[in-house]
Amino acid sequence: MLMEDIKQDEPVADIVSILVEFGIISLSLLYETAKGHSQETVDDVISKLDGRSLVEFIGTNQENIQLTDSLRSFLLRQNFESSQVQDPVA
């Protein structure tokens, strides 16, 4: 059920793909890396994931985010990837 939910919602799939690939990522880098999605869309996705307790915020100001260890491990085993990740330096 969770995999279907993620795959059916393109912005969620894109953001989750980035979080799987990077592990821990700063919110500012996530905004830059989320190709084709506005900051508002990224915030909405983060809110959905946080509401389902699928992400954790890290840092004194909670400026970094990661998927929960169990979800990230599961998605890595499922080879969950996306071509939506772009190099922010490019």
N, C-alpha and C. Protein backbone atom coordinates (compact mmCIF):
# COMPACT_ATOMS: atom_id res chain seq x y z
N MET A 1 0.82 -1.19 0.00
CA MET A 1 0.00 0.00 0.00
C MET A 1 0.87 1.26 0.00
N LEU A 2 1.88 1.29 0.82
CA LEU A 2 2.74 2.47 0.90
C LEU A 2 3.44 2.74 -0.42
N MET A 3 3.97 1.68 -1.04
CA MET A 3 4.67 1.84 -2.32
C MET A 3 3.72 2.39 -3.38
N GLU A 4 2.50 1.91 -3.41
CA GLU A 4 1.52 2.42 -4.38
C GLU A 4 1.23 3.90 -4.13
N ASP A 5 1.07 4.26 -2.88
CA ASP A 5 0.82 5.66 -2.53
C ASP A 5 1.95 6.56 -3.01
N ILE A 6 3.17 6.10 -2.80
CA ILE A 6 4.33 6.90 -3.19
C ILE A 6 4.43 7.01 -4.70
N LYS A 7 4.30 5.90 -5.39
CA LYS A 7 4.47 5.89 -6.85
C LYS A 7 3.36 6.64 -7.58
N GLN A 8 2.16 6.68 -7.02
CA GLN A 8 1.03 7.32 -7.69
C GLN A 8 1.07 8.84 -7.60
N ASP A 9 1.83 9.38 -6.70
CA ASP A 9 1.91 10.84 -6.51
C ASP A 9 3.30 11.29 -6.95
N GLU A 10 3.40 11.88 -8.14
CA GLU A 10 4.71 12.21 -8.72
C GLU A 10 5.58 13.06 -7.80
N PRO A 11 5.06 14.17 -7.23
CA PRO A 11 5.93 14.96 -6.34
C PRO A 11 6.43 14.14 -5.15
N VAL A 12 5.57 13.31 -4.58
CA VAL A 12 5.99 12.48 -3.44
C VAL A 12 7.08 11.50 -3.90
N ALA A 13 6.87 10.86 -5.03
CA ALA A 13 7.86 9.91 -5.55
C ALA A 13 9.20 10.60 -5.79
N ASP A 14 9.16 11.80 -6.34
CA ASP A 14 10.39 12.54 -6.62
C ASP A 14 11.13 12.90 -5.33
N ILE A 15 10.41 13.41 -4.36
CA ILE A 15 11.03 13.83 -3.09
C ILE A 15 11.56 12.60 -2.35
N VAL A 16 10.78 11.54 -2.30
CA VAL A 16 11.22 10.32 -1.63
C VAL A 16 12.47 9.78 -2.31
N SER A 17 12.51 9.83 -3.63
CA SER A 17 13.70 9.37 -4.36
C SER A 17 14.95 10.14 -3.94
N ILE A 18 14.79 11.43 -3.82
CA ILE A 18 15.91 12.28 -3.39
C ILE A 18 16.34 11.88 -1.98
N LEU A 19 15.37 11.70 -1.09
CA LEU A 19 15.69 11.35 0.29
C LEU A 19 16.34 9.97 0.38
N VAL A 20 15.92 9.04 -0.46
CA VAL A 20 16.54 7.72 -0.49
C VAL A 20 18.00 7.85 -0.93
N GLU A 21 18.22 8.62 -1.99
CA GLU A 21 19.57 8.73 -2.55
C GLU A 21 20.53 9.46 -1.61
N PHE A 22 20.08 10.55 -1.01
CA PHE A 22 20.97 11.38 -0.21
C PHE A 22 21.09 10.92 1.24
N GLY A 23 20.10 10.25 1.76
CA GLY A 23 20.12 9.91 3.19
C GLY A 23 19.68 11.12 3.98
N ILE A 24 20.62 11.84 4.55
CA ILE A 24 20.33 13.09 5.25
C ILE A 24 20.63 14.24 4.30
N ILE A 25 19.71 15.18 4.20
CA ILE A 25 19.88 16.31 3.28
C ILE A 25 19.32 17.57 3.95
N SER A 26 19.97 18.69 3.70
CA SER A 26 19.45 19.94 4.24
C SER A 26 18.20 20.32 3.45
N LEU A 27 17.30 21.01 4.10
CA LEU A 27 16.08 21.43 3.42
C LEU A 27 16.39 22.35 2.25
N SER A 28 17.38 23.22 2.40
CA SER A 28 17.72 24.14 1.31
C SER A 28 18.24 23.37 0.09
N LEU A 29 19.04 22.33 0.30
CA LEU A 29 19.52 21.52 -0.82
C LEU A 29 18.38 20.70 -1.42
N LEU A 30 17.46 20.25 -0.59
CA LEU A 30 16.30 19.51 -1.09
C LEU A 30 15.48 20.39 -2.02
N TYR A 31 15.28 21.65 -1.64
CA TYR A 31 14.53 22.58 -2.51
C TYR A 31 15.23 22.75 -3.85
N GLU A 32 16.55 22.85 -3.83
CA GLU A 32 17.32 23.03 -5.07
C GLU A 32 17.30 21.77 -5.93
N THR A 33 17.31 20.63 -5.29
CA THR A 33 17.44 19.35 -5.98
C THR A 33 16.11 18.83 -6.51
N ALA A 34 15.02 19.29 -5.94
CA ALA A 34 13.69 18.81 -6.34
C ALA A 34 13.30 19.42 -7.68
N LYS A 35 13.84 18.85 -8.70
CA LYS A 35 13.67 19.32 -10.08
C LYS A 35 12.19 19.48 -10.46
N GLY A 36 11.84 20.68 -10.88
CA GLY A 36 10.50 20.92 -11.38
C GLY A 36 9.43 21.11 -10.32
N HIS A 37 9.80 21.17 -9.05
CA HIS A 37 8.80 21.33 -7.99
C HIS A 37 9.09 22.61 -7.20
N SER A 38 8.05 23.35 -6.94
CA SER A 38 8.20 24.59 -6.18
C SER A 38 8.47 24.27 -4.71
N GLN A 39 8.93 25.28 -3.99
CA GLN A 39 9.18 25.11 -2.56
C GLN A 39 7.87 24.75 -1.84
N GLU A 40 6.77 25.32 -2.28
CA GLU A 40 5.47 25.03 -1.68
C GLU A 40 5.11 23.55 -1.87
N THR A 41 5.36 23.02 -3.06
CA THR A 41 5.09 21.60 -3.32
C THR A 41 5.96 20.71 -2.45
N VAL A 42 7.24 21.06 -2.35
CA VAL A 42 8.16 20.28 -1.51
C VAL A 42 7.68 20.32 -0.06
N ASP A 43 7.28 21.50 0.42
CA ASP A 43 6.78 21.62 1.79
C ASP A 43 5.53 20.77 2.00
N ASP A 44 4.64 20.74 1.00
CA ASP A 44 3.43 19.91 1.10
C ASP A 44 3.79 18.43 1.21
N VAL A 45 4.74 17.99 0.40
CA VAL A 45 5.18 16.59 0.44
C VAL A 45 5.81 16.27 1.80
N ILE A 46 6.67 17.16 2.26
CA ILE A 46 7.30 16.96 3.58
C ILE A 46 6.24 16.86 4.66
N SER A 47 5.23 17.71 4.58
CA SER A 47 4.14 17.68 5.56
C SER A 47 3.39 16.36 5.52
N LYS A 48 3.12 15.85 4.30
CA LYS A 48 2.45 14.54 4.17
C LYS A 48 3.30 13.44 4.79
N LEU A 49 4.58 13.44 4.46
CA LEU A 49 5.48 12.40 4.98
C LEU A 49 5.62 12.50 6.49
N ASP A 50 5.72 13.72 7.00
CA ASP A 50 5.84 13.93 8.44
C ASP A 50 4.56 13.50 9.16
N GLY A 51 3.42 13.77 8.53
CA GLY A 51 2.14 13.37 9.11
C GLY A 51 1.99 11.87 9.25
N ARG A 52 2.69 11.13 8.40
CA ARG A 52 2.67 9.67 8.47
C ARG A 52 3.91 9.12 9.20
N SER A 53 4.67 10.01 9.82
CA SER A 53 5.88 9.66 10.59
C SER A 53 6.89 8.89 9.74
N LEU A 54 7.08 9.35 8.48
CA LEU A 54 8.00 8.70 7.58
C LEU A 54 9.32 9.45 7.43
N VAL A 55 9.40 10.65 8.01
CA VAL A 55 10.63 11.44 7.97
C VAL A 55 10.98 11.90 9.37
N GLU A 56 12.25 12.24 9.52
CA GLU A 56 12.76 12.79 10.78
C GLU A 56 13.53 14.05 10.46
N PHE A 57 13.39 15.04 11.31
CA PHE A 57 14.15 16.27 11.17
C PHE A 57 15.35 16.22 12.10
N ILE A 58 16.48 16.70 11.61
CA ILE A 58 17.74 16.60 12.35
C ILE A 58 18.38 17.98 12.40
N GLY A 59 19.09 18.24 13.48
CA GLY A 59 19.80 19.50 13.64
C GLY A 59 19.15 20.34 14.72
N THR A 60 19.90 21.27 15.23
CA THR A 60 19.37 22.11 16.31
C THR A 60 18.18 22.94 15.85
N ASN A 61 18.17 23.31 14.59
CA ASN A 61 17.04 24.07 14.04
C ASN A 61 16.19 23.22 13.11
N GLN A 62 16.38 21.93 13.17
CA GLN A 62 15.68 20.98 12.31
C GLN A 62 15.80 21.37 10.84
N GLU A 63 17.03 21.71 10.45
CA GLU A 63 17.30 22.18 9.09
C GLU A 63 17.63 21.03 8.13
N ASN A 64 17.74 19.82 8.65
CA ASN A 64 18.03 18.65 7.83
C ASN A 64 16.89 17.65 7.95
N ILE A 65 16.75 16.82 6.93
CA ILE A 65 15.65 15.85 6.92
C ILE A 65 16.18 14.52 6.40
N GLN A 66 15.57 13.44 6.87
CA GLN A 66 15.87 12.10 6.37
C GLN A 66 14.62 11.25 6.50
N LEU A 67 14.55 10.22 5.65
CA LEU A 67 13.51 9.22 5.82
C LEU A 67 13.82 8.43 7.08
N THR A 68 12.81 7.82 7.67
CA THR A 68 13.09 6.94 8.80
C THR A 68 14.00 5.82 8.30
N ASP A 69 14.82 5.30 9.18
CA ASP A 69 15.77 4.25 8.80
C ASP A 69 15.08 3.05 8.20
N SER A 70 13.97 2.64 8.79
CA SER A 70 13.29 1.45 8.29
C SER A 70 12.72 1.68 6.89
N LEU A 71 12.14 2.84 6.63
CA LEU A 71 11.59 3.13 5.30
C LEU A 71 12.71 3.24 4.27
N ARG A 72 13.78 3.92 4.60
CA ARG A 72 14.89 4.06 3.65
C ARG A 72 15.49 2.70 3.33
N SER A 73 15.68 1.85 4.33
CA SER A 73 16.21 0.51 4.10
C SER A 73 15.28 -0.30 3.20
N PHE A 74 13.99 -0.20 3.45
CA PHE A 74 13.02 -0.91 2.62
C PHE A 74 13.09 -0.43 1.18
N LEU A 75 13.11 0.88 0.98
CA LEU A 75 13.13 1.43 -0.37
C LEU A 75 14.44 1.09 -1.09
N LEU A 76 15.54 1.07 -0.37
CA LEU A 76 16.81 0.68 -0.98
C LEU A 76 16.76 -0.77 -1.44
N ARG A 77 16.17 -1.64 -0.63
CA ARG A 77 16.03 -3.05 -1.01
C ARG A 77 15.12 -3.21 -2.23
N GLN A 78 14.17 -2.29 -2.38
CA GLN A 78 13.25 -2.33 -3.53
C GLN A 78 13.83 -1.62 -4.75
N ASN A 79 15.06 -1.13 -4.64
CA ASN A 79 15.71 -0.38 -5.72
C ASN A 79 14.88 0.82 -6.16
N PHE A 80 14.31 1.52 -5.19
CA PHE A 80 13.47 2.68 -5.48
C PHE A 80 14.37 3.83 -5.91
N GLU A 81 14.25 4.23 -7.17
CA GLU A 81 15.06 5.32 -7.72
C GLU A 81 14.19 6.20 -8.59
N SER A 82 14.72 7.34 -8.92
CA SER A 82 14.02 8.24 -9.82
C SER A 82 15.03 9.00 -10.64
N SER A 83 14.66 9.31 -11.85
CA SER A 83 15.52 10.15 -12.71
C SER A 83 15.29 11.62 -12.41
N GLN A 84 14.48 11.90 -11.40
CA GLN A 84 14.15 13.29 -11.09
C GLN A 84 15.23 14.00 -10.30
N VAL A 85 16.23 13.27 -9.83
CA VAL A 85 17.30 13.89 -9.05
C VAL A 85 18.25 14.59 -10.01
N GLN A 86 18.52 15.85 -9.71
CA GLN A 86 19.47 16.60 -10.55
C GLN A 86 20.60 17.11 -9.69
N ASP A 87 21.72 17.34 -10.31
CA ASP A 87 22.89 17.87 -9.62
C ASP A 87 22.65 19.34 -9.37
N PRO A 88 22.59 19.80 -8.10
CA PRO A 88 22.33 21.21 -7.82
C PRO A 88 23.44 22.12 -8.28
N VAL A 89 24.63 21.58 -8.52
CA VAL A 89 25.76 22.39 -8.95
C VAL A 89 25.68 22.68 -10.45
N ALA A 90 25.04 21.78 -11.19
CA ALA A 90 24.97 21.90 -12.64
C ALA A 90 24.18 23.12 -13.09
